[in-house]
PDB file of N, CA and C in Angstrom:
ATOM      1  N   UNK A   1     -49.489   9.242 -18.550  1.00  0.00           N
ATOM      2  CA  UNK A   1     -48.394   9.915 -17.900  1.00  0.00           C
ATOM      3  C   UNK A   1     -48.113   9.301 -16.532  1.00  0.00           C
ATOM      4  N   UNK A   2     -49.179   9.020 -15.773  1.00  0.00           N
ATOM      5  CA  UNK A   2     -49.021   8.447 -14.454  1.00  0.00           C
ATOM      6  C   UNK A   2     -48.465   7.029 -14.549  1.00  0.00           C
ATOM      7  N   UNK A   3     -48.907   6.266 -15.582  1.00  0.00           N
ATOM      8  CA  UNK A   3     -48.424   4.910 -15.782  1.00  0.00           C
ATOM      9  C   UNK A   3     -46.932   4.914 -16.112  1.00  0.00           C
ATOM     10  N   UNK A   4     -46.498   5.860 -16.906  1.00  0.00           N
ATOM     11  CA  UNK A   4     -45.093   5.968 -17.288  1.00  0.00           C
ATOM     12  C   UNK A   4     -44.236   6.276 -16.061  1.00  0.00           C
ATOM     13  N   UNK A   5     -44.697   7.122 -15.203  1.00  0.00           N
ATOM     14  CA  UNK A   5     -43.956   7.472 -13.992  1.00  0.00           C
ATOM     15  C   UNK A   5     -43.815   6.261 -13.073  1.00  0.00           C
ATOM     16  N   UNK A   6     -44.869   5.478 -12.942  1.00  0.00           N
ATOM     17  CA  UNK A   6     -44.830   4.290 -12.091  1.00  0.00           C
ATOM     18  C   UNK A   6     -43.864   3.256 -12.673  1.00  0.00           C
ATOM     19  N   UNK A   7     -43.930   3.041 -13.981  1.00  0.00           N
ATOM     20  CA  UNK A   7     -43.026   2.082 -14.642  1.00  0.00           C
ATOM     21  C   UNK A   7     -41.576   2.545 -14.497  1.00  0.00           C
ATOM     22  N   UNK A   8     -41.343   3.831 -14.694  1.00  0.00           N
ATOM     23  CA  UNK A   8     -39.994   4.368 -14.561  1.00  0.00           C
ATOM     24  C   UNK A   8     -39.478   4.202 -13.126  1.00  0.00           C
ATOM     25  N   UNK A   9     -40.315   4.434 -12.141  1.00  0.00           N
ATOM     26  CA  UNK A   9     -39.925   4.284 -10.740  1.00  0.00           C
ATOM     27  C   UNK A   9     -39.610   2.821 -10.413  1.00  0.00           C
ATOM     28  N   UNK A  10     -40.383   1.887 -10.947  1.00  0.00           N
ATOM     29  CA  UNK A  10     -40.117   0.462 -10.723  1.00  0.00           C
ATOM     30  C   UNK A  10     -38.796   0.035 -11.359  1.00  0.00           C
ATOM     31  N   UNK A  11     -38.553   0.486 -12.587  1.00  0.00           N
ATOM     32  CA  UNK A  11     -37.287   0.147 -13.261  1.00  0.00           C
ATOM     33  C   UNK A  11     -36.105   0.726 -12.483  1.00  0.00           C
ATOM     34  N   UNK A  12     -36.265   1.952 -12.017  1.00  0.00           N
ATOM     35  CA  UNK A  12     -35.207   2.591 -11.248  1.00  0.00           C
ATOM     36  C   UNK A  12     -34.948   1.850  -9.938  1.00  0.00           C
ATOM     37  N   UNK A  13     -35.993   1.395  -9.265  1.00  0.00           N
ATOM     38  CA  UNK A  13     -35.843   0.654  -8.013  1.00  0.00           C
ATOM     39  C   UNK A  13     -35.136  -0.680  -8.244  1.00  0.00           C
ATOM     40  N   UNK A  14     -35.486  -1.371  -9.331  1.00  0.00           N
ATOM     41  CA  UNK A  14     -34.832  -2.650  -9.640  1.00  0.00           C
ATOM     42  C   UNK A  14     -33.356  -2.421  -9.953  1.00  0.00           C
ATOM     43  N   UNK A  15     -33.048  -1.395 -10.730  1.00  0.00           N
ATOM     44  CA  UNK A  15     -31.652  -1.106 -11.070  1.00  0.00           C
ATOM     45  C   UNK A  15     -30.844  -0.748  -9.826  1.00  0.00           C
ATOM     46  N   UNK A  16     -31.413   0.043  -8.933  1.00  0.00           N
ATOM     47  CA  UNK A  16     -30.699   0.428  -7.722  1.00  0.00           C
ATOM     48  C   UNK A  16     -30.424  -0.780  -6.831  1.00  0.00           C
ATOM     49  N   UNK A  17     -31.395  -1.699  -6.721  1.00  0.00           N
ATOM     50  CA  UNK A  17     -31.160  -2.879  -5.895  1.00  0.00           C
ATOM     51  C   UNK A  17     -30.121  -3.803  -6.529  1.00  0.00           C
ATOM     52  N   UNK A  18     -30.072  -3.889  -7.857  1.00  0.00           N
ATOM     53  CA  UNK A  18     -29.048  -4.699  -8.512  1.00  0.00           C
ATOM     54  C   UNK A  18     -27.664  -4.090  -8.305  1.00  0.00           C
ATOM     55  N   UNK A  19     -27.556  -2.779  -8.390  1.00  0.00           N
ATOM     56  CA  UNK A  19     -26.268  -2.125  -8.178  1.00  0.00           C
ATOM     57  C   UNK A  19     -25.800  -2.268  -6.738  1.00  0.00           C
ATOM     58  N   UNK A  20     -26.716  -2.192  -5.785  1.00  0.00           N
ATOM     59  CA  UNK A  20     -26.310  -2.313  -4.381  1.00  0.00           C
ATOM     60  C   UNK A  20     -25.838  -3.725  -4.065  1.00  0.00           C
ATOM     61  N   UNK A  21     -26.416  -4.736  -4.707  1.00  0.00           N
ATOM     62  CA  UNK A  21     -25.958  -6.110  -4.506  1.00  0.00           C
ATOM     63  C   UNK A  21     -24.572  -6.278  -5.123  1.00  0.00           C
ATOM     64  N   UNK A  22     -24.327  -5.669  -6.266  1.00  0.00           N
ATOM     65  CA  UNK A  22     -23.032  -5.765  -6.918  1.00  0.00           C
ATOM     66  C   UNK A  22     -21.925  -5.074  -6.158  1.00  0.00           C
ATOM     67  N   UNK A  23     -22.253  -4.087  -5.346  1.00  0.00           N
ATOM     68  CA  UNK A  23     -21.245  -3.352  -4.583  1.00  0.00           C
ATOM     69  C   UNK A  23     -20.964  -3.968  -3.227  1.00  0.00           C
ATOM     70  N   UNK A  24     -21.684  -4.980  -2.840  1.00  0.00           N
ATOM     71  CA  UNK A  24     -21.496  -5.615  -1.545  1.00  0.00           C
ATOM     72  C   UNK A  24     -20.212  -6.437  -1.571  1.00  0.00           C
ATOM     73  N   UNK A  25     -19.181  -6.087  -0.779  1.00  0.00           N
ATOM     74  CA  UNK A  25     -17.936  -6.833  -0.824  1.00  0.00           C
ATOM     75  C   UNK A  25     -18.085  -8.274  -0.338  1.00  0.00           C
ATOM     76  N   UNK A  26     -19.035  -8.540   0.555  1.00  0.00           N
ATOM     77  CA  UNK A  26     -19.227  -9.906   1.041  1.00  0.00           C
ATOM     78  C   UNK A  26     -19.741 -10.807  -0.070  1.00  0.00           C
ATOM     79  N   UNK A  27     -20.473 -10.255  -1.017  1.00  0.00           N
ATOM     80  CA  UNK A  27     -20.998 -11.058  -2.113  1.00  0.00           C
ATOM     81  C   UNK A  27     -19.914 -11.400  -3.125  1.00  0.00           C
ATOM     82  N   UNK A  28     -18.838 -10.625  -3.164  1.00  0.00           N
ATOM     83  CA  UNK A  28     -17.798 -10.840  -4.162  1.00  0.00           C
ATOM     84  C   UNK A  28     -16.658 -11.718  -3.661  1.00  0.00           C
ATOM     85  N   UNK A  29     -16.585 -12.004  -2.369  1.00  0.00           N
ATOM     86  CA  UNK A  29     -15.481 -12.796  -1.859  1.00  0.00           C
ATOM     87  C   UNK A  29     -15.819 -14.270  -1.940  1.00  0.00           C
ATOM     88  N   UNK A  30     -14.898 -15.064  -2.469  1.00  0.00           N
ATOM     89  CA  UNK A  30     -15.161 -16.500  -2.529  1.00  0.00           C
ATOM     90  C   UNK A  30     -15.026 -17.131  -1.148  1.00  0.00           C
ATOM     91  N   UNK A  31     -15.555 -18.314  -0.997  1.00  0.00           N
ATOM     92  CA  UNK A  31     -15.504 -19.020   0.280  1.00  0.00           C
ATOM     93  C   UNK A  31     -14.252 -19.873   0.401  1.00  0.00           C
ATOM     94  N   UNK A  32     -13.233 -19.597  -0.396  1.00  0.00           N
ATOM     95  CA  UNK A  32     -11.998 -20.367  -0.325  1.00  0.00           C
ATOM     96  C   UNK A  32     -11.015 -19.660   0.600  1.00  0.00           C
ATOM     97  N   UNK A  33     -10.144 -20.410   1.251  1.00  0.00           N
ATOM     98  CA  UNK A  33      -9.161 -19.770   2.127  1.00  0.00           C
ATOM     99  C   UNK A  33      -8.146 -18.981   1.317  1.00  0.00           C
ATOM    100  N   UNK A  34      -7.541 -17.979   1.951  1.00  0.00           N
ATOM    101  CA  UNK A  34      -6.556 -17.169   1.249  1.00  0.00           C
ATOM    102  C   UNK A  34      -5.260 -17.953   1.095  1.00  0.00           C
ATOM    103  N   UNK A  35      -4.497 -17.637   0.060  1.00  0.00           N
ATOM    104  CA  UNK A  35      -3.229 -18.320  -0.181  1.00  0.00           C
ATOM    105  C   UNK A  35      -2.063 -17.546   0.409  1.00  0.00           C
ATOM    106  N   UNK A  36      -2.312 -16.365   0.969  1.00  0.00           N
ATOM    107  CA  UNK A  36      -1.232 -15.548   1.478  1.00  0.00           C
ATOM    108  C   UNK A  36      -0.777 -15.983   2.860  1.00  0.00           C
ATOM    109  N   UNK A  37      -1.608 -16.632   3.611  1.00  0.00           N
ATOM    110  CA  UNK A  37      -1.233 -17.080   4.941  1.00  0.00           C
ATOM    111  C   UNK A  37      -1.462 -16.004   5.991  1.00  0.00           C
ATOM    112  N   UNK A  38      -1.312 -16.413   7.206  1.00  0.00           N
ATOM    113  CA  UNK A  38      -1.461 -15.473   8.308  1.00  0.00           C
ATOM    114  C   UNK A  38      -0.129 -14.768   8.538  1.00  0.00           C
ATOM    115  N   UNK A  39      -0.126 -13.627   9.216  1.00  0.00           N
ATOM    116  CA  UNK A  39       1.135 -12.915   9.454  1.00  0.00           C
ATOM    117  C   UNK A  39       2.192 -13.764  10.161  1.00  0.00           C
ATOM    118  N   UNK A  40       1.790 -14.688  11.011  1.00  0.00           N
ATOM    119  CA  UNK A  40       2.774 -15.515  11.703  1.00  0.00           C
ATOM    120  C   UNK A  40       3.437 -16.511  10.762  1.00  0.00           C
ATOM    121  N   UNK A  41       2.833 -16.771   9.588  1.00  0.00           N
ATOM    122  CA  UNK A  41       3.404 -17.705   8.628  1.00  0.00           C
ATOM    123  C   UNK A  41       4.305 -17.029   7.601  1.00  0.00           C
ATOM    124  N   UNK A  42       4.337 -15.708   7.574  1.00  0.00           N
ATOM    125  CA  UNK A  42       5.156 -14.993   6.608  1.00  0.00           C
ATOM    126  C   UNK A  42       6.618 -15.118   7.015  1.00  0.00           C
ATOM    127  N   UNK A  43       7.448 -15.528   6.070  1.00  0.00           N
ATOM    128  CA  UNK A  43       8.870 -15.675   6.348  1.00  0.00           C
ATOM    129  C   UNK A  43       9.654 -14.720   5.471  1.00  0.00           C
ATOM    130  N   UNK A  44      10.843 -14.400   5.899  1.00  0.00           N
ATOM    131  CA  UNK A  44      11.692 -13.507   5.126  1.00  0.00           C
ATOM    132  C   UNK A  44      12.896 -13.095   5.940  1.00  0.00           C
ATOM    133  N   UNK A  45      13.536 -12.051   5.495  1.00  0.00           N
ATOM    134  CA  UNK A  45      14.715 -11.538   6.176  1.00  0.00           C
ATOM    135  C   UNK A  45      14.422 -10.137   6.694  1.00  0.00           C
ATOM    136  N   UNK A  46      15.269  -9.671   7.572  1.00  0.00           N
ATOM    137  CA  UNK A  46      15.118  -8.327   8.111  1.00  0.00           C
ATOM    138  C   UNK A  46      16.129  -7.410   7.440  1.00  0.00           C
ATOM    139  N   UNK A  47      15.639  -6.287   6.924  1.00  0.00           N
ATOM    140  CA  UNK A  47      16.510  -5.282   6.312  1.00  0.00           C
ATOM    141  C   UNK A  47      16.618  -4.117   7.285  1.00  0.00           C
ATOM    142  N   UNK A  48      17.844  -3.767   7.667  1.00  0.00           N
ATOM    143  CA  UNK A  48      18.076  -2.681   8.604  1.00  0.00           C
ATOM    144  C   UNK A  48      18.458  -1.437   7.811  1.00  0.00           C
ATOM    145  N   UNK A  49      17.629  -0.406   7.873  1.00  0.00           N
ATOM    146  CA  UNK A  49      17.886   0.835   7.138  1.00  0.00           C
ATOM    147  C   UNK A  49      18.689   1.823   7.974  1.00  0.00           C
ATOM    148  N   UNK A  50      18.776   1.619   9.248  1.00  0.00           N
ATOM    149  CA  UNK A  50      19.482   2.543  10.135  1.00  0.00           C
ATOM    150  C   UNK A  50      18.658   2.815  11.374  1.00  0.00           C
ATOM    151  N   UNK A  51      17.613   3.611  11.233  1.00  0.00           N
ATOM    152  CA  UNK A  51      16.728   3.929  12.356  1.00  0.00           C
ATOM    153  C   UNK A  51      15.516   3.016  12.417  1.00  0.00           C
ATOM    154  N   UNK A  52      15.403   2.084  11.478  1.00  0.00           N
ATOM    155  CA  UNK A  52      14.265   1.171  11.448  1.00  0.00           C
ATOM    156  C   UNK A  52      14.676  -0.117  10.757  1.00  0.00           C
ATOM    157  N   UNK A  53      13.906  -1.158  11.014  1.00  0.00           N
ATOM    158  CA  UNK A  53      14.096  -2.441  10.340  1.00  0.00           C
ATOM    159  C   UNK A  53      12.799  -2.836   9.674  1.00  0.00           C
ATOM    160  N   UNK A  54      12.897  -3.530   8.554  1.00  0.00           N
ATOM    161  CA  UNK A  54      11.726  -3.925   7.765  1.00  0.00           C
ATOM    162  C   UNK A  54      11.813  -5.420   7.495  1.00  0.00           C
ATOM    163  N   UNK A  55      10.697  -6.130   7.670  1.00  0.00           N
ATOM    164  CA  UNK A  55      10.647  -7.537   7.295  1.00  0.00           C
ATOM    165  C   UNK A  55      10.446  -7.623   5.787  1.00  0.00           C
ATOM    166  N   UNK A  56      11.381  -8.254   5.106  1.00  0.00           N
ATOM    167  CA  UNK A  56      11.329  -8.398   3.653  1.00  0.00           C
ATOM    168  C   UNK A  56      10.910  -9.831   3.350  1.00  0.00           C
ATOM    169  N   UNK A  57       9.729 -10.025   2.737  1.00  0.00           N
ATOM    170  CA  UNK A  57       9.256 -11.386   2.455  1.00  0.00           C
ATOM    171  C   UNK A  57      10.149 -12.102   1.453  1.00  0.00           C
ATOM    172  N   UNK A  58      10.039 -13.410   1.432  1.00  0.00           N
ATOM    173  CA  UNK A  58      10.796 -14.223   0.491  1.00  0.00           C
ATOM    174  C   UNK A  58      10.422 -13.812  -0.937  1.00  0.00           C
ATOM    175  N   UNK A  59      11.415 -13.623  -1.796  1.00  0.00           N
ATOM    176  CA  UNK A  59      11.175 -13.196  -3.174  1.00  0.00           C
ATOM    177  C   UNK A  59      11.247 -11.691  -3.364  1.00  0.00           C
ATOM    178  N   UNK A  60      11.495 -10.952  -2.289  1.00  0.00           N
ATOM    179  CA  UNK A  60      11.601  -9.503  -2.338  1.00  0.00           C
ATOM    180  C   UNK A  60      12.984  -9.090  -1.843  1.00  0.00           C
ATOM    181  N   UNK A  61      13.376  -7.846  -2.100  1.00  0.00           N
ATOM    182  CA  UNK A  61      14.671  -7.312  -1.654  1.00  0.00           C
ATOM    183  C   UNK A  61      14.462  -6.041  -0.855  1.00  0.00           C
ATOM    184  N   UNK A  62      15.293  -5.845   0.144  1.00  0.00           N
ATOM    185  CA  UNK A  62      15.330  -4.586   0.866  1.00  0.00           C
ATOM    186  C   UNK A  62      16.449  -3.731   0.279  1.00  0.00           C
ATOM    187  N   UNK A  63      16.144  -2.477  -0.030  1.00  0.00           N
ATOM    188  CA  UNK A  63      17.121  -1.591  -0.663  1.00  0.00           C
ATOM    189  C   UNK A  63      17.132  -0.265   0.084  1.00  0.00           C
ATOM    190  N   UNK A  64      18.327   0.248   0.326  1.00  0.00           N
ATOM    191  CA  UNK A  64      18.471   1.539   1.006  1.00  0.00           C
ATOM    192  C   UNK A  64      18.061   2.669   0.061  1.00  0.00           C
ATOM    193  N   UNK A  65      17.496   3.721   0.615  1.00  0.00           N
ATOM    194  CA  UNK A  65      17.081   4.899  -0.145  1.00  0.00           C
ATOM    195  C   UNK A  65      18.209   5.922  -0.101  1.00  0.00           C
ATOM    196  N   UNK A  66      18.566   6.462  -1.254  1.00  0.00           N
ATOM    197  CA  UNK A  66      19.638   7.456  -1.320  1.00  0.00           C
ATOM    198  C   UNK A  66      19.242   8.722  -0.566  1.00  0.00           C
ATOM    199  N   UNK A  67      20.216   9.326   0.067  1.00  0.00           N
ATOM    200  CA  UNK A  67      20.009  10.581   0.792  1.00  0.00           C
ATOM    201  C   UNK A  67      20.173  11.726  -0.200  1.00  0.00           C
ATOM    202  N   UNK A  68      19.091  12.110  -0.845  1.00  0.00           N
ATOM    203  CA  UNK A  68      19.135  13.111  -1.912  1.00  0.00           C
ATOM    204  C   UNK A  68      19.463  14.508  -1.419  1.00  0.00           C
ATOM    205  N   UNK A  69      19.117  14.827  -0.182  1.00  0.00           N
ATOM    206  CA  UNK A  69      19.290  16.185   0.322  1.00  0.00           C
ATOM    207  C   UNK A  69      20.472  16.321   1.282  1.00  0.00           C
ATOM    208  N   UNK A  70      21.307  15.283   1.390  1.00  0.00           N
ATOM    209  CA  UNK A  70      22.478  15.294   2.261  1.00  0.00           C
ATOM    210  C   UNK A  70      22.141  15.697   3.698  1.00  0.00           C
ATOM    211  N   UNK A  71      21.067  15.124   4.220  1.00  0.00           N
ATOM    212  CA  UNK A  71      20.644  15.412   5.594  1.00  0.00           C
ATOM    213  C   UNK A  71      21.376  14.542   6.616  1.00  0.00           C
ATOM    214  N   UNK A  72      21.939  13.423   6.171  1.00  0.00           N
ATOM    215  CA  UNK A  72      22.521  12.447   7.082  1.00  0.00           C
ATOM    216  C   UNK A  72      24.004  12.247   6.773  1.00  0.00           C
ATOM    217  N   UNK A  73      24.731  11.649   7.706  1.00  0.00           N
ATOM    218  CA  UNK A  73      26.159  11.440   7.539  1.00  0.00           C
ATOM    219  C   UNK A  73      26.479  10.424   6.441  1.00  0.00           C
ATOM    220  N   UNK A  74      25.604   9.454   6.253  1.00  0.00           N
ATOM    221  CA  UNK A  74      25.844   8.440   5.224  1.00  0.00           C
ATOM    222  C   UNK A  74      25.187   8.871   3.915  1.00  0.00           C
ATOM    223  N   UNK A  75      25.378   8.089   2.891  1.00  0.00           N
ATOM    224  CA  UNK A  75      24.768   8.381   1.585  1.00  0.00           C
ATOM    225  C   UNK A  75      23.338   7.887   1.497  1.00  0.00           C
ATOM    226  N   UNK A  76      22.861   7.221   2.537  1.00  0.00           N
ATOM    227  CA  UNK A  76      21.500   6.685   2.527  1.00  0.00           C
ATOM    228  C   UNK A  76      20.678   7.317   3.637  1.00  0.00           C
ATOM    229  N   UNK A  77      19.375   7.274   3.462  1.00  0.00           N
ATOM    230  CA  UNK A  77      18.443   7.817   4.440  1.00  0.00           C
ATOM    231  C   UNK A  77      18.095   6.713   5.443  1.00  0.00           C
ATOM    232  N   UNK A  78      18.461   6.856   6.721  1.00  0.00           N
ATOM    233  CA  UNK A  78      18.187   5.794   7.695  1.00  0.00           C
ATOM    234  C   UNK A  78      16.720   5.684   8.092  1.00  0.00           C
ATOM    235  N   UNK A  79      15.877   6.603   7.614  1.00  0.00           N
ATOM    236  CA  UNK A  79      14.453   6.598   7.948  1.00  0.00           C
ATOM    237  C   UNK A  79      13.580   6.079   6.820  1.00  0.00           C
ATOM    238  N   UNK A  80      14.191   5.572   5.739  1.00  0.00           N
ATOM    239  CA  UNK A  80      13.416   5.072   4.603  1.00  0.00           C
ATOM    240  C   UNK A  80      14.055   3.807   4.050  1.00  0.00           C
ATOM    241  N   UNK A  81      13.218   2.946   3.477  1.00  0.00           N
ATOM    242  CA  UNK A  81      13.703   1.731   2.826  1.00  0.00           C
ATOM    243  C   UNK A  81      12.721   1.346   1.734  1.00  0.00           C
ATOM    244  N   UNK A  82      13.256   0.807   0.648  1.00  0.00           N
ATOM    245  CA  UNK A  82      12.423   0.224  -0.395  1.00  0.00           C
ATOM    246  C   UNK A  82      12.340  -1.274  -0.145  1.00  0.00           C
ATOM    247  N   UNK A  83      11.176  -1.837  -0.371  1.00  0.00           N
ATOM    248  CA  UNK A  83      10.999  -3.285  -0.409  1.00  0.00           C
ATOM    249  C   UNK A  83      10.488  -3.573  -1.810  1.00  0.00           C
ATOM    250  N   UNK A  84      11.350  -4.190  -2.641  1.00  0.00           N
ATOM    251  CA  UNK A  84      11.043  -4.378  -4.058  1.00  0.00           C
ATOM    252  C   UNK A  84      10.935  -5.861  -4.381  1.00  0.00           C
ATOM    253  N   UNK A  85      10.025  -6.193  -5.282  1.00  0.00           N
ATOM    254  CA  UNK A  85       9.833  -7.582  -5.697  1.00  0.00           C
ATOM    255  C   UNK A  85      10.923  -7.955  -6.681  1.00  0.00           C
ATOM    256  N   UNK A  86      11.647  -8.998  -6.372  1.00  0.00           N
ATOM    257  CA  UNK A  86      12.722  -9.462  -7.235  1.00  0.00           C
ATOM    258  C   UNK A  86      13.956  -9.757  -6.410  1.00  0.00           C
ATOM    259  N   UNK A  87      15.003 -10.179  -7.113  1.00  0.00           N
ATOM    260  CA  UNK A  87      16.256 -10.470  -6.428  1.00  0.00           C
ATOM    261  C   UNK A  87      17.383  -9.713  -7.112  1.00  0.00           C
ATOM    262  N   UNK A  88      18.488  -9.580  -6.438  1.00  0.00           N
ATOM    263  CA  UNK A  88      19.673  -8.885  -6.948  1.00  0.00           C
ATOM    264  C   UNK A  88      19.401  -7.425  -7.292  1.00  0.00           C
ATOM    265  N   UNK A  89      18.553  -6.774  -6.557  1.00  0.00           N
ATOM    266  CA  UNK A  89      18.327  -5.340  -6.722  1.00  0.00           C
ATOM    267  C   UNK A  89      19.239  -4.648  -5.720  1.00  0.00           C
ATOM    268  N   UNK A  90      20.199  -3.890  -6.216  1.00  0.00           N
ATOM    269  CA  UNK A  90      21.204  -3.323  -5.313  1.00  0.00           C
ATOM    270  C   UNK A  90      21.116  -1.813  -5.182  1.00  0.00           C
ATOM    271  N   UNK A  91      20.631  -1.108  -6.187  1.00  0.00           N
ATOM    272  CA  UNK A  91      20.560   0.351  -6.102  1.00  0.00           C
ATOM    273  C   UNK A  91      19.114   0.802  -6.112  1.00  0.00           C
ATOM    274  N   UNK A  92      18.901   2.017  -5.597  1.00  0.00           N
ATOM    275  CA  UNK A  92      17.525   2.517  -5.572  1.00  0.00           C
ATOM    276  C   UNK A  92      17.019   2.855  -6.964  1.00  0.00           C
ATOM    277  N   UNK A  93      17.876   3.032  -7.944  1.00  0.00           N
ATOM    278  CA  UNK A  93      17.409   3.278  -9.319  1.00  0.00           C
ATOM    279  C   UNK A  93      16.847   1.994  -9.945  1.00  0.00           C
ATOM    280  N   UNK A  94      17.375   0.841  -9.558  1.00  0.00           N
ATOM    281  CA  UNK A  94      16.869  -0.440 -10.070  1.00  0.00           C
ATOM    282  C   UNK A  94      15.491  -0.760  -9.489  1.00  0.00           C
ATOM    283  N   UNK A  95      15.177  -0.160  -8.360  1.00  0.00           N
ATOM    284  CA  UNK A  95      13.895  -0.415  -7.702  1.00  0.00           C
ATOM    285  C   UNK A  95      12.741  -0.015  -8.609  1.00  0.00           C
ATOM    286  N   UNK A  96      12.908   1.057  -9.359  1.00  0.00           N
ATOM    287  CA  UNK A  96      11.818   1.592 -10.181  1.00  0.00           C
ATOM    288  C   UNK A  96      11.442   0.677 -11.339  1.00  0.00           C
ATOM    289  N   UNK A  97      12.215  -0.337 -11.598  1.00  0.00           N
ATOM    290  CA  UNK A  97      11.908  -1.300 -12.659  1.00  0.00           C
ATOM    291  C   UNK A  97      11.063  -2.461 -12.150  1.00  0.00           C
ATOM    292  N   UNK A  98      10.756  -2.457 -10.860  1.00  0.00           N
ATOM    293  CA  UNK A  98      10.026  -3.560 -10.224  1.00  0.00           C
ATOM    294  C   UNK A  98       8.893  -2.994  -9.369  1.00  0.00           C
ATOM    295  N   UNK A  99       7.923  -3.833  -9.033  1.00  0.00           N
ATOM    296  CA  UNK A  99       6.932  -3.388  -8.043  1.00  0.00           C
ATOM    297  C   UNK A  99       7.640  -3.182  -6.706  1.00  0.00           C
ATOM    298  N   UNK A 100       7.341  -2.084  -6.020  1.00  0.00           N
ATOM    299  CA  UNK A 100       8.019  -1.796  -4.761  1.00  0.00           C
ATOM    300  C   UNK A 100       7.110  -1.064  -3.803  1.00  0.00           C
ATOM    301  N   UNK A 101       7.554  -1.036  -2.540  1.00  0.00           N
ATOM    302  CA  UNK A 101       6.878  -0.305  -1.477  1.00  0.00           C
ATOM    303  C   UNK A 101       7.925   0.569  -0.812  1.00  0.00           C
ATOM    304  N   UNK A 102       7.612   1.821  -0.587  1.00  0.00           N
ATOM    305  CA  UNK A 102       8.499   2.709   0.157  1.00  0.00           C
ATOM    306  C   UNK A 102       8.014   2.736   1.600  1.00  0.00           C
ATOM    307  N   UNK A 103       8.885   2.346   2.520  1.00  0.00           N
ATOM    308  CA  UNK A 103       8.561   2.340   3.937  1.00  0.00           C
ATOM    309  C   UNK A 103       9.302   3.504   4.578  1.00  0.00           C
ATOM    310  N   UNK A 104       8.576   4.338   5.323  1.00  0.00           N
ATOM    311  CA  UNK A 104       9.170   5.515   5.942  1.00  0.00           C
ATOM    312  C   UNK A 104       8.958   5.489   7.448  1.00  0.00           C
ATOM    313  N   UNK A 105       9.962   5.947   8.164  1.00  0.00           N
ATOM    314  CA  UNK A 105       9.860   6.149   9.610  1.00  0.00           C
ATOM    315  C   UNK A 105       9.998   7.646   9.856  1.00  0.00           C
ATOM    316  N   UNK A 106       9.033   8.220  10.546  1.00  0.00           N
ATOM    317  CA  UNK A 106       9.072   9.643  10.861  1.00  0.00           C
ATOM    318  C   UNK A 106       9.283   9.759  12.368  1.00  0.00           C
ATOM    319  N   UNK A 107      10.454  10.261  12.777  1.00  0.00           N
ATOM    320  CA  UNK A 107      10.714  10.389  14.217  1.00  0.00           C
ATOM    321  C   UNK A 107       9.678  11.283  14.894  1.00  0.00           C
ATOM    322  N   UNK A 108       9.474  11.060  16.175  1.00  0.00           N
ATOM    323  CA  UNK A 108       8.448  11.789  16.917  1.00  0.00           C
ATOM    324  C   UNK A 108       8.740  13.284  16.992  1.00  0.00           C
ATOM    325  N   UNK A 109      10.013  13.674  16.919  1.00  0.00           N
ATOM    326  CA  UNK A 109      10.341  15.093  17.026  1.00  0.00           C
ATOM    327  C   UNK A 109      10.299  15.825  15.687  1.00  0.00           C
ATOM    328  N   UNK A 110       9.915  15.136  14.604  1.00  0.00           N
ATOM    329  CA  UNK A 110       9.836  15.747  13.274  1.00  0.00           C
ATOM    330  C   UNK A 110       8.371  15.896  12.862  1.00  0.00           C
ATOM    331  N   UNK A 111       8.082  16.924  12.091  1.00  0.00           N
ATOM    332  CA  UNK A 111       6.739  17.114  11.550  1.00  0.00           C
ATOM    333  C   UNK A 111       6.774  16.720  10.083  1.00  0.00           C
ATOM    334  N   UNK A 112       5.992  15.716   9.728  1.00  0.00           N
ATOM    335  CA  UNK A 112       5.958  15.267   8.341  1.00  0.00           C
ATOM    336  C   UNK A 112       5.113  16.207   7.498  1.00  0.00           C
ATOM    337  N   UNK A 113       3.948  16.554   8.003  1.00  0.00           N
ATOM    338  CA  UNK A 113       3.049  17.438   7.257  1.00  0.00           C
ATOM    339  C   UNK A 113       2.312  18.302   8.271  1.00  0.00           C
ATOM    340  N   UNK A 114       2.341  19.565   8.053  1.00  0.00           N
ATOM    341  CA  UNK A 114       1.633  20.472   8.939  1.00  0.00           C
ATOM    342  C   UNK A 114       0.546  21.180   8.138  1.00  0.00           C
ATOM    343  N   UNK A 115      -0.702  20.954   8.466  1.00  0.00           N
ATOM    344  CA  UNK A 115      -1.773  21.581   7.705  1.00  0.00           C
ATOM    345  C   UNK A 115      -1.781  23.089   7.891  1.00  0.00           C
ATOM    346  N   UNK A 116      -2.231  23.763   6.861  1.00  0.00           N
ATOM    347  CA  UNK A 116      -2.312  25.221   6.947  1.00  0.00           C
ATOM    348  C   UNK A 116      -3.459  25.604   7.876  1.00  0.00           C
ATOM    349  N   UNK A 117      -3.359  26.733   8.548  1.00  0.00           N
ATOM    350  CA  UNK A 117      -4.439  27.143   9.460  1.00  0.00           C
ATOM    351  C   UNK A 117      -5.708  27.483   8.671  1.00  0.00           C
ATOM    352  N   UNK A 118      -6.821  27.231   9.308  1.00  0.00           N
ATOM    353  CA  UNK A 118      -8.108  27.553   8.680  1.00  0.00           C
ATOM    354  C   UNK A 118      -8.301  29.056   8.654  1.00  0.00           C
ATOM    355  N   UNK A 119      -8.848  29.510   7.592  1.00  0.00           N
ATOM    356  CA  UNK A 119      -9.074  30.954   7.457  1.00  0.00           C
ATOM    357  C   UNK A 119     -10.514  31.303   7.666  1.00  0.00           C
TER     358      UNK A 119
END
């Protein structure tokens, strides 16, 4: 019984050390330079949504977000923009067919999320 416990503890220790080595992010990164470049090397165009501007990388499109709740004078939300991969994307419905990022600007005088009080 004592021998079994010792063997089990040794197997468990070896497994734990193997798992910890596998989870180390430094062990998984190759020693090759990245192909994405530094931020100063990123080129693209600027998309102006109204209250904010977004740098749109080459090969991507900037698209205005529709004002669904009629909060603004225009039909688009000046505090949001889609940056979608692809070209010739003109409407926000076409954005959903491509990989995209929604960029939001929340003015300082607005509350985006207010947590409920602790009870």
